[in-house]
């Protein structure tokens, strides 16, 4: 079972509000339990396993570890400040923080941004799409990393709007 199949399975289980699921196919075992704010997935093969933590509203973050190591404990998501504006990806693609390799990033945490200022680039089908801020304020958090594949609607930046 590959990462894409796991992701589709998780999305289906969330959509249908299924709390627990277990699948065994050959030497691969997948067990999914949902509860609280996170979904924890463990897929075990003969040697490696994949642990996936899925916030109820977000996309899977995948970490691959050797089977000998126990799965990491899932920490609750930090409390979200009520007045933060979230910039989400309008397209599926690859996130780039800078205009070119070796160049400084467009923005970093703590920077003040204006409406229309470029925050990052999302490459989709060989086209570079500039993602602009739709609110003036301070960058509080960056949720993506350079070169990371991102999904439609994935959270990219948290901005504290100017008053």
N, C-alpha and C. Protein backbone atom coordinates (compact mmCIF):
# COMPACT_ATOMS: atom_id res chain seq x y z
N UNK A 1 0.86 -1.17 0.00
CA UNK A 1 0.00 0.00 0.00
C UNK A 1 0.90 1.23 0.00
N UNK A 2 0.69 2.12 -0.96
CA UNK A 2 1.54 3.30 -1.06
C UNK A 2 0.90 4.49 -0.34
N UNK A 3 1.64 5.59 -0.30
CA UNK A 3 1.20 6.78 0.43
C UNK A 3 -0.11 7.34 -0.14
N UNK A 4 -0.26 7.32 -1.45
CA UNK A 4 -1.47 7.86 -2.07
C UNK A 4 -2.70 7.03 -1.65
N UNK A 5 -2.56 5.70 -1.66
CA UNK A 5 -3.67 4.84 -1.25
C UNK A 5 -4.03 5.08 0.22
N UNK A 6 -3.01 5.24 1.07
CA UNK A 6 -3.27 5.52 2.48
C UNK A 6 -4.03 6.83 2.65
N UNK A 7 -3.59 7.84 1.91
CA UNK A 7 -4.23 9.15 2.00
C UNK A 7 -5.69 9.07 1.57
N UNK A 8 -5.96 8.39 0.46
CA UNK A 8 -7.33 8.23 -0.01
C UNK A 8 -8.18 7.47 1.01
N UNK A 9 -7.59 6.45 1.62
CA UNK A 9 -8.31 5.66 2.63
C UNK A 9 -8.66 6.55 3.82
N UNK A 10 -7.69 7.34 4.28
CA UNK A 10 -7.93 8.22 5.43
C UNK A 10 -9.03 9.23 5.11
N UNK A 11 -8.95 9.84 3.92
CA UNK A 11 -9.97 10.82 3.54
C UNK A 11 -11.35 10.18 3.48
N UNK A 12 -11.44 8.95 2.98
CA UNK A 12 -12.71 8.24 2.91
C UNK A 12 -13.25 7.97 4.32
N UNK A 13 -12.38 7.51 5.22
CA UNK A 13 -12.80 7.21 6.58
C UNK A 13 -13.26 8.47 7.32
N UNK A 14 -12.58 9.58 7.09
CA UNK A 14 -12.99 10.85 7.70
C UNK A 14 -14.34 11.28 7.13
N UNK A 15 -14.48 11.16 5.81
CA UNK A 15 -15.73 11.56 5.15
C UNK A 15 -16.91 10.76 5.68
N UNK A 16 -16.73 9.46 5.88
CA UNK A 16 -17.80 8.58 6.34
C UNK A 16 -17.89 8.52 7.87
N UNK A 17 -16.99 9.27 8.56
CA UNK A 17 -16.96 9.33 10.02
C UNK A 17 -16.79 7.94 10.65
N UNK A 18 -15.86 7.16 10.10
CA UNK A 18 -15.55 5.84 10.63
C UNK A 18 -14.43 6.00 11.65
N UNK A 19 -14.65 5.51 12.88
CA UNK A 19 -13.71 5.74 13.99
C UNK A 19 -12.55 4.75 14.00
N UNK A 20 -12.78 3.52 13.57
CA UNK A 20 -11.71 2.52 13.63
C UNK A 20 -11.77 1.62 12.40
N UNK A 21 -10.59 1.28 11.85
CA UNK A 21 -10.50 0.48 10.64
C UNK A 21 -9.22 -0.34 10.69
N UNK A 22 -9.30 -1.58 10.25
CA UNK A 22 -8.12 -2.44 10.21
C UNK A 22 -8.13 -3.24 8.90
N UNK A 23 -6.95 -3.32 8.26
CA UNK A 23 -6.82 -4.03 6.99
C UNK A 23 -5.53 -4.83 7.02
N UNK A 24 -5.59 -6.08 6.58
CA UNK A 24 -4.39 -6.91 6.48
C UNK A 24 -4.35 -7.47 5.07
N UNK A 25 -3.26 -7.14 4.35
CA UNK A 25 -3.10 -7.60 2.98
C UNK A 25 -1.68 -8.15 2.85
N UNK A 26 -1.54 -9.46 2.81
CA UNK A 26 -0.21 -10.08 2.73
C UNK A 26 0.58 -9.75 3.98
N UNK A 27 1.77 -9.19 3.81
CA UNK A 27 2.60 -8.85 4.95
C UNK A 27 2.41 -7.40 5.40
N UNK A 28 1.40 -6.71 4.87
CA UNK A 28 1.12 -5.33 5.23
C UNK A 28 -0.13 -5.28 6.09
N UNK A 29 -0.01 -4.61 7.23
CA UNK A 29 -1.13 -4.43 8.15
C UNK A 29 -1.37 -2.94 8.33
N UNK A 30 -2.62 -2.52 8.20
CA UNK A 30 -2.96 -1.12 8.41
C UNK A 30 -4.06 -1.07 9.47
N UNK A 31 -3.82 -0.25 10.49
CA UNK A 31 -4.80 -0.07 11.55
C UNK A 31 -4.98 1.43 11.75
N UNK A 32 -6.23 1.90 11.67
CA UNK A 32 -6.52 3.32 11.79
C UNK A 32 -7.53 3.50 12.92
N UNK A 33 -7.20 4.39 13.86
CA UNK A 33 -8.12 4.75 14.94
C UNK A 33 -8.25 6.25 14.95
N UNK A 34 -9.49 6.73 14.98
CA UNK A 34 -9.74 8.17 15.04
C UNK A 34 -10.30 8.51 16.40
N UNK A 35 -9.95 9.69 16.85
CA UNK A 35 -10.49 10.17 18.11
C UNK A 35 -9.87 11.50 18.43
N UNK A 36 -10.57 12.34 19.15
CA UNK A 36 -10.02 13.64 19.53
C UNK A 36 -9.74 14.48 18.31
N UNK A 37 -8.55 15.12 18.33
CA UNK A 37 -8.21 16.02 17.24
C UNK A 37 -7.39 15.35 16.15
N UNK A 38 -6.87 14.15 16.37
CA UNK A 38 -5.96 13.53 15.41
C UNK A 38 -6.42 12.12 15.05
N UNK A 39 -6.00 11.68 13.88
CA UNK A 39 -6.17 10.31 13.46
C UNK A 39 -4.77 9.71 13.40
N UNK A 40 -4.59 8.54 13.98
CA UNK A 40 -3.27 7.91 13.95
C UNK A 40 -3.38 6.66 13.09
N UNK A 41 -2.43 6.53 12.15
CA UNK A 41 -2.43 5.40 11.24
C UNK A 41 -1.10 4.69 11.38
N UNK A 42 -1.14 3.37 11.49
CA UNK A 42 0.09 2.59 11.49
C UNK A 42 -0.05 1.52 10.42
N UNK A 43 0.90 1.49 9.51
CA UNK A 43 0.93 0.46 8.48
C UNK A 43 2.20 -0.34 8.72
N UNK A 44 2.09 -1.62 8.92
CA UNK A 44 3.26 -2.44 9.21
C UNK A 44 3.50 -3.45 8.10
N UNK A 45 4.74 -3.49 7.67
CA UNK A 45 5.19 -4.51 6.74
C UNK A 45 6.24 -5.32 7.50
N UNK A 46 7.03 -6.13 6.80
CA UNK A 46 8.01 -6.94 7.49
C UNK A 46 9.05 -6.09 8.19
N UNK A 47 9.57 -5.02 7.57
CA UNK A 47 10.61 -4.21 8.19
C UNK A 47 10.11 -2.81 8.51
N UNK A 48 9.74 -1.99 7.51
CA UNK A 48 9.37 -0.62 7.85
C UNK A 48 7.90 -0.49 8.22
N UNK A 49 7.58 0.60 8.90
CA UNK A 49 6.19 0.97 9.09
C UNK A 49 6.06 2.44 8.80
N UNK A 50 4.83 2.86 8.55
CA UNK A 50 4.56 4.26 8.27
C UNK A 50 3.56 4.73 9.31
N UNK A 51 3.87 5.80 10.02
CA UNK A 51 2.94 6.39 10.97
C UNK A 51 2.45 7.70 10.37
N UNK A 52 1.14 7.88 10.33
CA UNK A 52 0.56 9.07 9.72
C UNK A 52 -0.31 9.75 10.76
N UNK A 53 -0.08 11.03 11.01
CA UNK A 53 -0.91 11.81 11.91
C UNK A 53 -1.75 12.75 11.07
N UNK A 54 -3.07 12.69 11.21
CA UNK A 54 -3.95 13.49 10.38
C UNK A 54 -4.84 14.36 11.25
N UNK A 55 -4.59 15.68 11.29
CA UNK A 55 -5.53 16.54 11.99
C UNK A 55 -6.89 16.41 11.31
N UNK A 56 -7.98 16.53 12.06
CA UNK A 56 -9.32 16.32 11.52
C UNK A 56 -9.59 17.20 10.31
N UNK A 57 -8.98 18.40 10.25
CA UNK A 57 -9.28 19.31 9.14
C UNK A 57 -8.13 19.44 8.16
N UNK A 58 -7.01 18.74 8.36
CA UNK A 58 -5.85 18.95 7.51
C UNK A 58 -5.50 17.76 6.66
N UNK A 59 -4.34 17.80 6.08
CA UNK A 59 -3.84 16.75 5.21
C UNK A 59 -2.83 15.89 5.97
N UNK A 60 -2.60 14.64 5.55
CA UNK A 60 -1.67 13.78 6.26
C UNK A 60 -0.23 14.28 6.21
N UNK A 61 0.46 14.10 7.32
CA UNK A 61 1.90 14.35 7.38
C UNK A 61 2.52 12.99 7.63
N UNK A 62 3.43 12.53 6.77
CA UNK A 62 3.91 11.16 6.83
C UNK A 62 5.35 11.12 7.32
N UNK A 63 5.61 10.20 8.25
CA UNK A 63 6.97 9.97 8.73
C UNK A 63 7.25 8.48 8.61
N UNK A 64 8.38 8.10 8.04
CA UNK A 64 8.72 6.69 7.87
C UNK A 64 9.82 6.37 8.86
N UNK A 65 9.65 5.30 9.64
CA UNK A 65 10.60 4.91 10.66
C UNK A 65 10.83 3.41 10.58
N UNK A 66 11.96 2.91 11.11
CA UNK A 66 12.16 1.47 11.14
C UNK A 66 11.17 0.82 12.10
N UNK A 67 10.85 -0.45 11.86
CA UNK A 67 9.85 -1.16 12.65
C UNK A 67 10.26 -1.33 14.10
N UNK A 68 11.54 -1.35 14.40
CA UNK A 68 12.00 -1.55 15.76
C UNK A 68 11.62 -0.37 16.66
N UNK A 69 11.51 0.81 16.10
CA UNK A 69 11.19 1.99 16.90
C UNK A 69 9.69 2.05 17.15
N UNK A 70 9.28 2.40 18.37
CA UNK A 70 7.84 2.52 18.64
C UNK A 70 7.29 3.78 17.98
N UNK A 71 6.00 3.78 17.64
CA UNK A 71 5.43 4.97 17.03
C UNK A 71 5.48 6.14 18.01
N UNK A 72 5.73 7.32 17.47
CA UNK A 72 5.81 8.52 18.31
C UNK A 72 4.43 8.87 18.83
N UNK A 73 4.39 9.43 20.02
CA UNK A 73 3.12 9.85 20.60
C UNK A 73 2.62 11.06 19.82
N UNK A 74 1.31 11.10 19.60
CA UNK A 74 0.72 12.20 18.86
C UNK A 74 0.44 13.33 19.83
N UNK A 75 1.03 14.51 19.57
CA UNK A 75 0.80 15.66 20.42
C UNK A 75 -0.39 16.43 19.90
N UNK A 76 -1.19 17.01 20.80
CA UNK A 76 -2.32 17.80 20.32
C UNK A 76 -1.83 19.03 19.57
N UNK A 77 -2.62 19.48 18.60
CA UNK A 77 -2.27 20.65 17.83
C UNK A 77 -2.26 21.86 18.74
N UNK A 78 -1.30 22.80 18.53
CA UNK A 78 -1.28 23.99 19.38
C UNK A 78 -2.56 24.79 19.20
N UNK A 79 -2.95 25.47 20.26
CA UNK A 79 -4.18 26.27 20.21
C UNK A 79 -4.04 27.34 19.14
N UNK A 80 -5.05 27.44 18.30
CA UNK A 80 -5.03 28.42 17.21
C UNK A 80 -5.58 29.74 17.75
N UNK A 81 -4.84 30.82 17.49
CA UNK A 81 -5.32 32.13 17.90
C UNK A 81 -6.56 32.47 17.08
N UNK A 82 -7.56 32.98 17.72
CA UNK A 82 -8.84 33.24 17.07
C UNK A 82 -8.75 34.27 15.95
N UNK A 83 -7.88 35.26 16.10
CA UNK A 83 -7.88 36.36 15.14
C UNK A 83 -6.86 36.20 14.02
N UNK A 84 -6.35 35.01 13.78
CA UNK A 84 -5.38 34.80 12.71
C UNK A 84 -6.09 34.56 11.39
N UNK A 85 -5.54 35.14 10.34
CA UNK A 85 -6.04 34.90 8.98
C UNK A 85 -5.17 33.80 8.37
N UNK A 86 -5.79 32.77 7.82
CA UNK A 86 -5.06 31.65 7.23
C UNK A 86 -5.05 31.78 5.71
N UNK A 87 -3.85 31.76 5.12
CA UNK A 87 -3.72 31.76 3.66
C UNK A 87 -3.60 30.31 3.22
N UNK A 88 -4.51 29.90 2.35
CA UNK A 88 -4.54 28.51 1.88
C UNK A 88 -4.13 28.44 0.41
N UNK A 89 -3.64 27.27 0.01
CA UNK A 89 -3.21 27.08 -1.37
C UNK A 89 -4.44 27.00 -2.29
N UNK A 90 -4.45 27.79 -3.35
CA UNK A 90 -5.56 27.72 -4.29
C UNK A 90 -5.42 26.58 -5.30
N UNK A 91 -4.25 25.91 -5.31
CA UNK A 91 -4.00 24.85 -6.29
C UNK A 91 -3.12 23.75 -5.68
N UNK A 92 -3.07 22.62 -6.36
CA UNK A 92 -2.17 21.52 -6.01
C UNK A 92 -0.84 21.78 -6.71
N UNK A 93 0.26 21.55 -6.03
CA UNK A 93 1.55 21.77 -6.67
C UNK A 93 2.69 21.60 -5.70
N UNK A 94 3.81 22.26 -6.00
CA UNK A 94 5.01 22.21 -5.15
C UNK A 94 5.27 23.61 -4.63
N UNK A 95 5.46 23.73 -3.32
CA UNK A 95 5.67 25.02 -2.67
C UNK A 95 7.13 25.44 -2.77
N UNK A 96 7.35 26.69 -3.14
CA UNK A 96 8.69 27.28 -3.13
C UNK A 96 8.64 28.58 -2.34
N UNK A 97 9.54 28.73 -1.38
CA UNK A 97 9.57 29.89 -0.50
C UNK A 97 10.29 31.08 -1.10
N UNK A 98 11.11 30.85 -2.15
CA UNK A 98 11.94 31.91 -2.72
C UNK A 98 11.76 31.94 -4.24
N UNK A 99 12.10 33.07 -4.87
CA UNK A 99 11.94 33.17 -6.32
C UNK A 99 12.89 32.28 -7.10
N UNK A 100 14.03 31.91 -6.50
CA UNK A 100 14.97 31.02 -7.17
C UNK A 100 15.83 30.33 -6.10
N UNK A 101 16.45 29.19 -6.44
CA UNK A 101 17.31 28.50 -5.47
C UNK A 101 18.43 29.42 -4.99
N UNK A 102 18.67 29.45 -3.70
CA UNK A 102 19.72 30.28 -3.14
C UNK A 102 19.27 31.70 -2.81
N UNK A 103 18.12 32.12 -3.31
CA UNK A 103 17.61 33.46 -3.01
C UNK A 103 16.94 33.45 -1.64
N UNK A 104 16.87 34.59 -0.97
CA UNK A 104 16.17 34.63 0.31
C UNK A 104 14.68 34.39 0.12
N UNK A 105 14.00 33.85 1.13
CA UNK A 105 12.56 33.59 1.01
C UNK A 105 11.77 34.90 0.85
N UNK A 106 10.60 34.79 0.23
CA UNK A 106 9.74 35.96 0.06
C UNK A 106 9.41 36.58 1.42
N UNK A 107 9.02 35.72 2.38
CA UNK A 107 8.68 36.18 3.73
C UNK A 107 9.17 35.16 4.75
N UNK A 108 9.32 35.63 5.99
CA UNK A 108 9.65 34.74 7.10
C UNK A 108 8.79 35.14 8.29
N UNK A 109 8.72 34.28 9.29
CA UNK A 109 7.92 34.55 10.47
C UNK A 109 8.39 35.87 11.09
N UNK A 110 7.44 36.72 11.43
CA UNK A 110 7.76 38.03 12.01
C UNK A 110 7.71 39.17 11.00
N UNK A 111 7.75 38.85 9.71
CA UNK A 111 7.68 39.89 8.68
C UNK A 111 6.28 40.51 8.64
N UNK A 112 6.24 41.80 8.29
CA UNK A 112 4.98 42.48 8.06
C UNK A 112 4.71 42.45 6.56
N UNK A 113 3.49 42.08 6.19
CA UNK A 113 3.13 41.98 4.77
C UNK A 113 1.95 42.90 4.47
N UNK A 114 1.84 43.28 3.21
CA UNK A 114 0.74 44.11 2.74
C UNK A 114 -0.14 43.29 1.79
N UNK A 115 -1.34 43.76 1.54
CA UNK A 115 -2.23 43.09 0.61
C UNK A 115 -1.56 43.05 -0.76
N UNK A 116 -1.54 41.89 -1.40
CA UNK A 116 -0.95 41.74 -2.72
C UNK A 116 0.52 41.38 -2.71
N UNK A 117 1.15 41.36 -1.53
CA UNK A 117 2.57 40.99 -1.45
C UNK A 117 2.72 39.48 -1.64
N UNK A 118 3.73 39.08 -2.44
CA UNK A 118 3.97 37.67 -2.72
C UNK A 118 4.50 36.98 -1.46
N UNK A 119 3.86 35.86 -1.10
CA UNK A 119 4.26 35.08 0.07
C UNK A 119 5.11 33.88 -0.32
N UNK A 120 4.77 33.26 -1.46
CA UNK A 120 5.48 32.08 -1.93
C UNK A 120 5.07 31.81 -3.38
N UNK A 121 5.62 30.75 -3.94
CA UNK A 121 5.26 30.30 -5.29
C UNK A 121 4.79 28.86 -5.19
N UNK A 122 3.74 28.53 -5.93
CA UNK A 122 3.31 27.15 -6.05
C UNK A 122 3.46 26.77 -7.53
N UNK A 123 4.32 25.76 -7.78
CA UNK A 123 4.51 25.29 -9.15
C UNK A 123 3.50 24.19 -9.43
N UNK A 124 2.78 24.36 -10.53
CA UNK A 124 1.80 23.36 -10.96
C UNK A 124 1.91 23.23 -12.47
N UNK A 125 2.19 22.04 -12.93
CA UNK A 125 2.29 21.76 -14.36
C UNK A 125 3.28 22.72 -15.05
N UNK A 126 4.43 22.91 -14.44
CA UNK A 126 5.52 23.74 -14.97
C UNK A 126 5.19 25.23 -14.99
N UNK A 127 4.08 25.63 -14.36
CA UNK A 127 3.73 27.04 -14.25
C UNK A 127 3.99 27.49 -12.82
N UNK A 128 4.63 28.67 -12.67
CA UNK A 128 4.91 29.21 -11.34
C UNK A 128 3.81 30.20 -10.98
N UNK A 129 3.06 29.88 -9.94
CA UNK A 129 1.93 30.69 -9.51
C UNK A 129 2.29 31.41 -8.22
N UNK A 130 2.31 32.74 -8.25
CA UNK A 130 2.62 33.51 -7.06
C UNK A 130 1.41 33.53 -6.14
N UNK A 131 1.63 33.20 -4.88
CA UNK A 131 0.55 33.25 -3.88
C UNK A 131 0.74 34.55 -3.12
N UNK A 132 -0.28 35.41 -3.19
CA UNK A 132 -0.20 36.73 -2.59
C UNK A 132 -1.02 36.81 -1.32
N UNK A 133 -0.62 37.69 -0.44
CA UNK A 133 -1.36 37.92 0.80
C UNK A 133 -2.65 38.66 0.47
N UNK A 134 -3.75 38.21 1.07
CA UNK A 134 -5.02 38.90 0.86
C UNK A 134 -5.40 39.73 2.08
N UNK A 135 -4.42 39.89 3.00
CA UNK A 135 -4.64 40.70 4.19
C UNK A 135 -3.30 41.32 4.60
N UNK A 136 -3.34 42.53 5.14
CA UNK A 136 -2.13 43.17 5.65
C UNK A 136 -1.94 42.74 7.11
N UNK A 137 -0.71 42.44 7.49
CA UNK A 137 -0.46 42.04 8.86
C UNK A 137 0.91 41.42 9.04
N UNK A 138 1.07 40.65 10.12
CA UNK A 138 2.34 40.03 10.47
C UNK A 138 2.28 38.52 10.28
N UNK A 139 3.31 37.95 9.65
CA UNK A 139 3.40 36.50 9.47
C UNK A 139 3.68 35.89 10.84
N UNK A 140 2.76 35.03 11.30
CA UNK A 140 2.89 34.39 12.60
C UNK A 140 3.45 32.97 12.45
N UNK A 141 3.04 32.29 11.37
CA UNK A 141 3.46 30.90 11.20
C UNK A 141 3.49 30.54 9.73
N UNK A 142 4.52 29.75 9.34
CA UNK A 142 4.60 29.17 7.99
C UNK A 142 4.30 27.68 8.16
N UNK A 143 3.31 27.18 7.42
CA UNK A 143 2.91 25.79 7.58
C UNK A 143 3.50 24.86 6.52
N UNK A 144 4.18 25.38 5.53
CA UNK A 144 4.78 24.55 4.49
C UNK A 144 6.28 24.74 4.46
N UNK A 145 6.97 23.83 3.80
CA UNK A 145 8.41 23.97 3.67
C UNK A 145 8.80 23.92 2.20
N UNK A 146 9.96 24.46 1.90
CA UNK A 146 10.43 24.58 0.53
C UNK A 146 10.51 23.23 -0.16
N UNK A 147 9.94 23.13 -1.36
CA UNK A 147 9.98 21.90 -2.15
C UNK A 147 8.92 20.88 -1.77
N UNK A 148 8.09 21.20 -0.80
CA UNK A 148 7.06 20.28 -0.31
C UNK A 148 5.86 20.25 -1.27
N UNK A 149 5.35 19.04 -1.58
CA UNK A 149 4.12 18.97 -2.36
C UNK A 149 2.95 19.42 -1.48
N UNK A 150 2.05 20.21 -2.04
CA UNK A 150 0.90 20.69 -1.28
C UNK A 150 -0.39 20.41 -2.03
N UNK A 151 -1.47 20.40 -1.29
CA UNK A 151 -2.80 20.09 -1.81
C UNK A 151 -3.63 21.37 -1.91
N UNK A 152 -4.71 21.29 -2.67
CA UNK A 152 -5.67 22.39 -2.75
C UNK A 152 -6.25 22.62 -1.35
N UNK A 153 -6.28 23.86 -0.92
CA UNK A 153 -6.86 24.21 0.36
C UNK A 153 -5.94 24.00 1.55
N UNK A 154 -4.72 23.53 1.31
CA UNK A 154 -3.78 23.31 2.41
C UNK A 154 -3.35 24.65 2.98
N UNK A 155 -3.28 24.73 4.31
CA UNK A 155 -2.88 25.96 4.97
C UNK A 155 -1.40 26.22 4.74
N UNK A 156 -1.06 27.45 4.34
CA UNK A 156 0.32 27.82 4.05
C UNK A 156 0.89 28.81 5.05
N UNK A 157 0.11 29.83 5.42
CA UNK A 157 0.58 30.88 6.32
C UNK A 157 -0.53 31.29 7.27
N UNK A 158 -0.13 31.67 8.49
CA UNK A 158 -1.05 32.29 9.44
C UNK A 158 -0.58 33.74 9.59
N UNK A 159 -1.50 34.67 9.38
CA UNK A 159 -1.17 36.10 9.43
C UNK A 159 -2.06 36.77 10.49
N UNK A 160 -1.42 37.55 11.37
CA UNK A 160 -2.18 38.35 12.33
C UNK A 160 -2.49 39.67 11.65
N UNK A 161 -3.78 39.91 11.31
CA UNK A 161 -4.15 41.12 10.57
C UNK A 161 -3.85 42.39 11.37
N UNK A 162 -3.55 43.47 10.63
CA UNK A 162 -3.38 44.79 11.25
C UNK A 162 -4.73 45.24 11.74
N UNK A 163 -4.70 46.02 12.79
CA UNK A 163 -5.98 46.52 13.34
C UNK A 163 -6.34 47.84 12.74
